[in-house]
């Protein structure tokens, strides 16, 4: 098990962010494949990170040519929050229009 996230998500972060920031030449698409696998297993943090990657160029490192899919990104942002992603909750303010008040109420009252 990864230190902060699942193994797949931590390896994806290595490919997408950490290797890129260290100046290594990397193939970010390997990270996308790992995130897609984790999303298929209902990994909420993977949902958030994949949404980030496909939200457009301003949300990922320059040089990654991830295909933008804003409609899917919105769905993934919502799913990440509903499924309990800490990242999704922290970034909720940035994507506030994506999350209805009723979803937030449901999260608050089911978890207290």
C-alpha atoms as a PDB file:
ATOM      1  CA  UNK A   1       0.000   0.000   0.000  1.00  0.00           C
ATOM      2  CA  UNK A   2       1.246   3.449  -0.871  1.00  0.00           C
ATOM      3  CA  UNK A   3       2.338   5.879   1.802  1.00  0.00           C
ATOM      4  CA  UNK A   4      -0.389   8.475   1.205  1.00  0.00           C
ATOM      5  CA  UNK A   5      -2.503   6.999  -1.569  1.00  0.00           C
ATOM      6  CA  UNK A   6      -3.032   3.616  -3.187  1.00  0.00           C
ATOM      7  CA  UNK A   7      -0.033   2.108  -4.992  1.00  0.00           C
ATOM      8  CA  UNK A   8      -1.508   2.894  -8.410  1.00  0.00           C
ATOM      9  CA  UNK A   9      -2.158   6.524  -7.513  1.00  0.00           C
ATOM     10  CA  UNK A  10       1.308   7.009  -6.029  1.00  0.00           C
ATOM     11  CA  UNK A  11       2.955   5.508  -9.119  1.00  0.00           C
ATOM     12  CA  UNK A  12       0.759   7.672 -11.365  1.00  0.00           C
ATOM     13  CA  UNK A  13       1.834  10.764  -9.417  1.00  0.00           C
ATOM     14  CA  UNK A  14       5.438   9.730  -9.957  1.00  0.00           C
ATOM     15  CA  UNK A  15       4.924   9.569 -13.726  1.00  0.00           C
ATOM     16  CA  UNK A  16       2.747  12.668 -14.028  1.00  0.00           C
ATOM     17  CA  UNK A  17       4.185  15.118 -11.492  1.00  0.00           C
ATOM     18  CA  UNK A  18       7.290  14.150  -9.565  1.00  0.00           C
ATOM     19  CA  UNK A  19       9.412  12.903 -12.476  1.00  0.00           C
ATOM     20  CA  UNK A  20       8.410  15.913 -14.549  1.00  0.00           C
ATOM     21  CA  UNK A  21       9.313  18.385 -11.802  1.00  0.00           C
ATOM     22  CA  UNK A  22      12.717  16.755 -11.367  1.00  0.00           C
ATOM     23  CA  UNK A  23      13.521  17.366 -15.027  1.00  0.00           C
ATOM     24  CA  UNK A  24      13.357  13.736 -16.108  1.00  0.00           C
ATOM     25  CA  UNK A  25      11.856  12.936 -19.472  1.00  0.00           C
ATOM     26  CA  UNK A  26       8.699  10.972 -18.733  1.00  0.00           C
ATOM     27  CA  UNK A  27       5.654   9.582 -20.422  1.00  0.00           C
ATOM     28  CA  UNK A  28       2.681  10.926 -18.467  1.00  0.00           C
ATOM     29  CA  UNK A  29       0.320   8.645 -20.352  1.00  0.00           C
ATOM     30  CA  UNK A  30       1.611   5.787 -18.172  1.00  0.00           C
ATOM     31  CA  UNK A  31       0.255   7.696 -15.186  1.00  0.00           C
ATOM     32  CA  UNK A  32      -3.103   8.190 -16.881  1.00  0.00           C
ATOM     33  CA  UNK A  33      -3.384   4.438 -17.457  1.00  0.00           C
ATOM     34  CA  UNK A  34      -2.746   3.826 -13.745  1.00  0.00           C
ATOM     35  CA  UNK A  35      -5.313   6.444 -12.752  1.00  0.00           C
ATOM     36  CA  UNK A  36      -7.892   4.913 -15.100  1.00  0.00           C
ATOM     37  CA  UNK A  37      -7.285   1.510 -13.488  1.00  0.00           C
ATOM     38  CA  UNK A  38      -7.669   2.988 -10.000  1.00  0.00           C
ATOM     39  CA  UNK A  39     -10.844   4.839 -11.019  1.00  0.00           C
ATOM     40  CA  UNK A  40     -12.309   1.560 -12.253  1.00  0.00           C
ATOM     41  CA  UNK A  41     -11.770   0.253  -8.703  1.00  0.00           C
ATOM     42  CA  UNK A  42     -13.570   3.294  -7.190  1.00  0.00           C
ATOM     43  CA  UNK A  43     -10.433   5.006  -5.865  1.00  0.00           C
ATOM     44  CA  UNK A  44     -11.740   8.472  -4.958  1.00  0.00           C
ATOM     45  CA  UNK A  45      -8.326  10.171  -5.011  1.00  0.00           C
ATOM     46  CA  UNK A  46      -7.656   8.707  -8.459  1.00  0.00           C
ATOM     47  CA  UNK A  47     -10.968  10.195  -9.599  1.00  0.00           C
ATOM     48  CA  UNK A  48      -9.865  13.639  -8.467  1.00  0.00           C
ATOM     49  CA  UNK A  49      -6.387  13.389  -9.993  1.00  0.00           C
ATOM     50  CA  UNK A  50      -7.659  12.050 -13.307  1.00  0.00           C
ATOM     51  CA  UNK A  51     -10.200  14.876 -13.400  1.00  0.00           C
ATOM     52  CA  UNK A  52      -7.347  17.333 -12.879  1.00  0.00           C
ATOM     53  CA  UNK A  53      -5.357  15.848 -15.738  1.00  0.00           C
ATOM     54  CA  UNK A  54      -8.231  15.970 -18.222  1.00  0.00           C
ATOM     55  CA  UNK A  55      -9.459  19.432 -17.178  1.00  0.00           C
ATOM     56  CA  UNK A  56      -7.086  21.183 -19.532  1.00  0.00           C
ATOM     57  CA  UNK A  57      -3.517  22.355 -19.915  1.00  0.00           C
ATOM     58  CA  UNK A  58      -3.562  24.729 -16.967  1.00  0.00           C
ATOM     59  CA  UNK A  59      -4.174  21.837 -14.551  1.00  0.00           C
ATOM     60  CA  UNK A  60      -1.190  19.639 -15.444  1.00  0.00           C
ATOM     61  CA  UNK A  61       2.505  20.053 -16.110  1.00  0.00           C
ATOM     62  CA  UNK A  62       3.534  21.594 -19.429  1.00  0.00           C
ATOM     63  CA  UNK A  63       4.605  18.934 -21.866  1.00  0.00           C
ATOM     64  CA  UNK A  64       1.879  16.465 -21.010  1.00  0.00           C
ATOM     65  CA  UNK A  65      -0.562  16.330 -23.864  1.00  0.00           C
ATOM     66  CA  UNK A  66      -3.504  14.880 -21.978  1.00  0.00           C
ATOM     67  CA  UNK A  67      -6.750  14.858 -23.916  1.00  0.00           C
ATOM     68  CA  UNK A  68      -9.148  17.417 -22.470  1.00  0.00           C
ATOM     69  CA  UNK A  69     -12.608  16.137 -21.539  1.00  0.00           C
ATOM     70  CA  UNK A  70     -14.321  18.738 -19.391  1.00  0.00           C
ATOM     71  CA  UNK A  71     -17.642  16.855 -19.129  1.00  0.00           C
ATOM     72  CA  UNK A  72     -15.952  13.744 -17.785  1.00  0.00           C
ATOM     73  CA  UNK A  73     -13.757  15.846 -15.497  1.00  0.00           C
ATOM     74  CA  UNK A  74     -16.840  17.408 -13.889  1.00  0.00           C
ATOM     75  CA  UNK A  75     -18.311  13.967 -13.240  1.00  0.00           C
ATOM     76  CA  UNK A  76     -15.030  12.729 -11.784  1.00  0.00           C
ATOM     77  CA  UNK A  77     -14.692  15.795  -9.527  1.00  0.00           C
ATOM     78  CA  UNK A  78     -18.172  15.143  -8.133  1.00  0.00           C
ATOM     79  CA  UNK A  79     -17.550  11.419  -7.711  1.00  0.00           C
ATOM     80  CA  UNK A  80     -14.259  12.040  -5.923  1.00  0.00           C
ATOM     81  CA  UNK A  81     -16.012  14.160  -3.308  1.00  0.00           C
ATOM     82  CA  UNK A  82     -18.997  11.856  -2.897  1.00  0.00           C
ATOM     83  CA  UNK A  83     -16.642   8.891  -2.477  1.00  0.00           C
ATOM     84  CA  UNK A  84     -14.554  10.624   0.189  1.00  0.00           C
ATOM     85  CA  UNK A  85     -11.422  11.950  -1.511  1.00  0.00           C
ATOM     86  CA  UNK A  86      -9.508  14.266   0.816  1.00  0.00           C
ATOM     87  CA  UNK A  87      -8.044  15.958  -2.251  1.00  0.00           C
ATOM     88  CA  UNK A  88     -11.507  16.451  -3.671  1.00  0.00           C
ATOM     89  CA  UNK A  89     -12.748  17.968  -0.429  1.00  0.00           C
ATOM     90  CA  UNK A  90      -9.737  20.290  -0.151  1.00  0.00           C
ATOM     91  CA  UNK A  91     -10.217  21.531  -3.710  1.00  0.00           C
ATOM     92  CA  UNK A  92     -13.989  21.745  -3.406  1.00  0.00           C
ATOM     93  CA  UNK A  93     -13.826  25.526  -3.166  1.00  0.00           C
ATOM     94  CA  UNK A  94     -12.181  25.690  -6.572  1.00  0.00           C
ATOM     95  CA  UNK A  95     -14.871  23.567  -8.175  1.00  0.00           C
ATOM     96  CA  UNK A  96     -17.751  24.667  -5.952  1.00  0.00           C
ATOM     97  CA  UNK A  97     -20.199  24.995  -8.812  1.00  0.00           C
ATOM     98  CA  UNK A  98     -19.763  21.287  -9.449  1.00  0.00           C
ATOM     99  CA  UNK A  99     -21.048  20.116  -6.101  1.00  0.00           C
ATOM    100  CA  UNK A 100     -24.611  20.629  -4.976  1.00  0.00           C
ATOM    101  CA  UNK A 101     -25.417  21.591  -1.426  1.00  0.00           C
ATOM    102  CA  UNK A 102     -27.357  18.366  -0.923  1.00  0.00           C
ATOM    103  CA  UNK A 103     -24.275  16.246  -1.652  1.00  0.00           C
ATOM    104  CA  UNK A 104     -22.294  18.186   0.940  1.00  0.00           C
ATOM    105  CA  UNK A 105     -25.084  17.800   3.516  1.00  0.00           C
ATOM    106  CA  UNK A 106     -25.203  14.075   2.854  1.00  0.00           C
ATOM    107  CA  UNK A 107     -21.451  13.816   3.417  1.00  0.00           C
ATOM    108  CA  UNK A 108     -21.547  15.830   6.634  1.00  0.00           C
ATOM    109  CA  UNK A 109     -24.439  13.947   8.202  1.00  0.00           C
ATOM    110  CA  UNK A 110     -23.391  10.463   7.146  1.00  0.00           C
ATOM    111  CA  UNK A 111     -19.882  10.867   8.532  1.00  0.00           C
ATOM    112  CA  UNK A 112     -20.554  12.479  11.926  1.00  0.00           C
END
